[in-house]
């Protein structure tokens, strides 16, 4: 299994542990070189989004993966976590609907949980 897929599994579980909603995984390897996968999830308020992000950072950190950059944490409406191979987008629901990354990145392949052997 590739490191990026392992990171996706760990991040997805970390998001689920903080009750993230509507988690989507998009394989963008054929679309861009910026990363292999996007994880997109939402929470009901900025505090939940920050808790989701904190948990992803903790879980991936314990597994030896270091976040290169985090953007938007203070506001909590849209937090982007760059792990090189994967990028985690944690949104408040309204911001997720507004930015609609799934539409923007529709050329990527939406993965189903069973494709991750979860």
Protein backbone atom coordinates (compact mmCIF):
# COMPACT_ATOMS: atom_id res chain seq x y z
CA UNK A 1 0.00 0.00 0.00
CA UNK A 2 1.29 3.46 -0.83
CA UNK A 3 2.07 5.94 1.91
CA UNK A 4 -0.53 8.32 0.54
CA UNK A 5 -3.28 5.70 0.76
CA UNK A 6 -2.23 4.84 4.31
CA UNK A 7 -2.38 8.55 5.16
CA UNK A 8 -5.87 8.77 3.63
CA UNK A 9 -7.08 5.87 5.80
CA UNK A 10 -5.61 7.37 8.96
CA UNK A 11 -6.96 10.85 8.23
CA UNK A 12 -10.43 9.51 7.39
CA UNK A 13 -10.56 7.60 10.68
CA UNK A 14 -9.35 10.69 12.58
CA UNK A 15 -12.09 12.78 10.96
CA UNK A 16 -14.73 10.17 11.75
CA UNK A 17 -13.58 10.07 15.38
CA UNK A 18 -14.54 13.77 15.66
CA UNK A 19 -17.93 13.22 13.99
CA UNK A 20 -16.99 14.78 10.65
CA UNK A 21 -19.83 14.62 8.13
CA UNK A 22 -19.96 13.84 4.42
CA UNK A 23 -16.33 12.70 4.10
CA UNK A 24 -15.27 12.48 0.47
CA UNK A 25 -12.00 11.18 -0.92
CA UNK A 26 -10.95 12.31 -4.37
CA UNK A 27 -8.08 10.64 -6.23
CA UNK A 28 -6.44 13.53 -8.09
CA UNK A 29 -3.29 11.70 -9.28
CA UNK A 30 -4.42 11.82 -12.92
CA UNK A 31 -5.46 15.48 -12.70
CA UNK A 32 -2.63 17.34 -10.98
CA UNK A 33 0.80 16.94 -9.41
CA UNK A 34 -0.02 18.91 -6.24
CA UNK A 35 -1.11 15.78 -4.33
CA UNK A 36 -2.43 12.25 -4.75
CA UNK A 37 -5.66 12.63 -2.78
CA UNK A 38 -8.01 15.23 -1.36
CA UNK A 39 -10.04 14.46 1.74
CA UNK A 40 -13.01 16.77 2.14
CA UNK A 41 -15.19 16.79 5.25
CA UNK A 42 -17.41 19.16 7.14
CA UNK A 43 -18.39 19.94 10.69
CA UNK A 44 -21.27 21.89 12.15
CA UNK A 45 -19.24 24.81 13.56
CA UNK A 46 -15.68 26.22 13.70
CA UNK A 47 -14.94 24.50 17.03
CA UNK A 48 -15.79 21.10 15.58
CA UNK A 49 -13.73 21.83 12.45
CA UNK A 50 -10.74 22.74 14.63
CA UNK A 51 -11.20 19.54 16.67
CA UNK A 52 -11.28 17.53 13.43
CA UNK A 53 -8.06 19.19 12.26
CA UNK A 54 -6.36 18.71 15.63
CA UNK A 55 -7.21 15.02 15.58
CA UNK A 56 -5.95 14.51 12.03
CA UNK A 57 -2.70 16.25 12.95
CA UNK A 58 -2.31 14.10 16.09
CA UNK A 59 -3.11 10.78 14.41
CA UNK A 60 -0.92 11.39 11.36
CA UNK A 61 1.84 12.80 13.56
CA UNK A 62 1.88 9.65 15.68
CA UNK A 63 2.21 7.64 12.46
CA UNK A 64 5.24 9.73 11.48
CA UNK A 65 3.60 12.04 8.95
CA UNK A 66 4.30 15.73 9.33
CA UNK A 67 1.93 18.42 8.13
CA UNK A 68 3.81 20.83 5.86
CA UNK A 69 1.32 23.64 6.27
CA UNK A 70 -2.05 24.44 7.81
CA UNK A 71 -4.12 27.35 6.49
CA UNK A 72 -7.31 28.83 7.91
CA UNK A 73 -7.17 27.31 11.37
CA UNK A 74 -7.90 30.56 13.24
CA UNK A 75 -11.16 31.20 11.40
CA UNK A 76 -12.24 27.57 11.29
CA UNK A 77 -14.54 27.97 8.29
CA UNK A 78 -12.17 26.19 5.90
CA UNK A 79 -8.96 24.62 7.13
CA UNK A 80 -6.51 23.18 4.64
CA UNK A 81 -3.87 20.71 5.81
CA UNK A 82 -1.04 19.98 3.37
CA UNK A 83 0.70 16.64 3.85
CA UNK A 84 2.32 16.71 0.39
CA UNK A 85 0.73 13.45 -0.81
CA UNK A 86 -2.69 14.22 0.63
CA UNK A 87 -4.51 17.46 1.32
CA UNK A 88 -7.22 17.53 3.94
CA UNK A 89 -9.98 20.15 3.60
CA UNK A 90 -12.10 20.58 6.73
CA UNK A 91 -15.06 22.92 6.33
CA UNK A 92 -18.01 24.36 8.18
CA UNK A 93 -21.04 23.19 6.20
CA UNK A 94 -21.93 26.59 4.72
CA UNK A 95 -18.36 27.19 3.51
CA UNK A 96 -18.21 23.74 1.95
CA UNK A 97 -21.36 24.39 -0.02
CA UNK A 98 -20.05 27.78 -1.12
CA UNK A 99 -16.63 26.57 -2.34
CA UNK A 100 -17.92 23.25 -3.74
CA UNK A 101 -14.52 21.57 -4.19
CA UNK A 102 -16.18 18.38 -5.40
CA UNK A 103 -17.43 20.27 -8.46
CA UNK A 104 -14.12 22.02 -9.06
CA UNK A 105 -12.20 18.74 -8.84
CA UNK A 106 -14.79 16.59 -10.63
CA UNK A 107 -12.10 15.38 -13.05
CA UNK A 108 -10.64 13.44 -10.13
CA UNK A 109 -11.99 10.02 -9.17
CA UNK A 110 -14.31 9.91 -6.17
CA UNK A 111 -13.30 6.89 -4.08
CA UNK A 112 -15.76 4.74 -2.24
CA UNK A 113 -14.83 3.49 1.27
CA UNK A 114 -14.59 -0.10 0.03
CA UNK A 115 -11.88 0.99 -2.43
CA UNK A 116 -9.75 1.77 0.61
CA UNK A 117 -10.42 -1.65 2.13
CA UNK A 118 -11.98 0.05 5.15
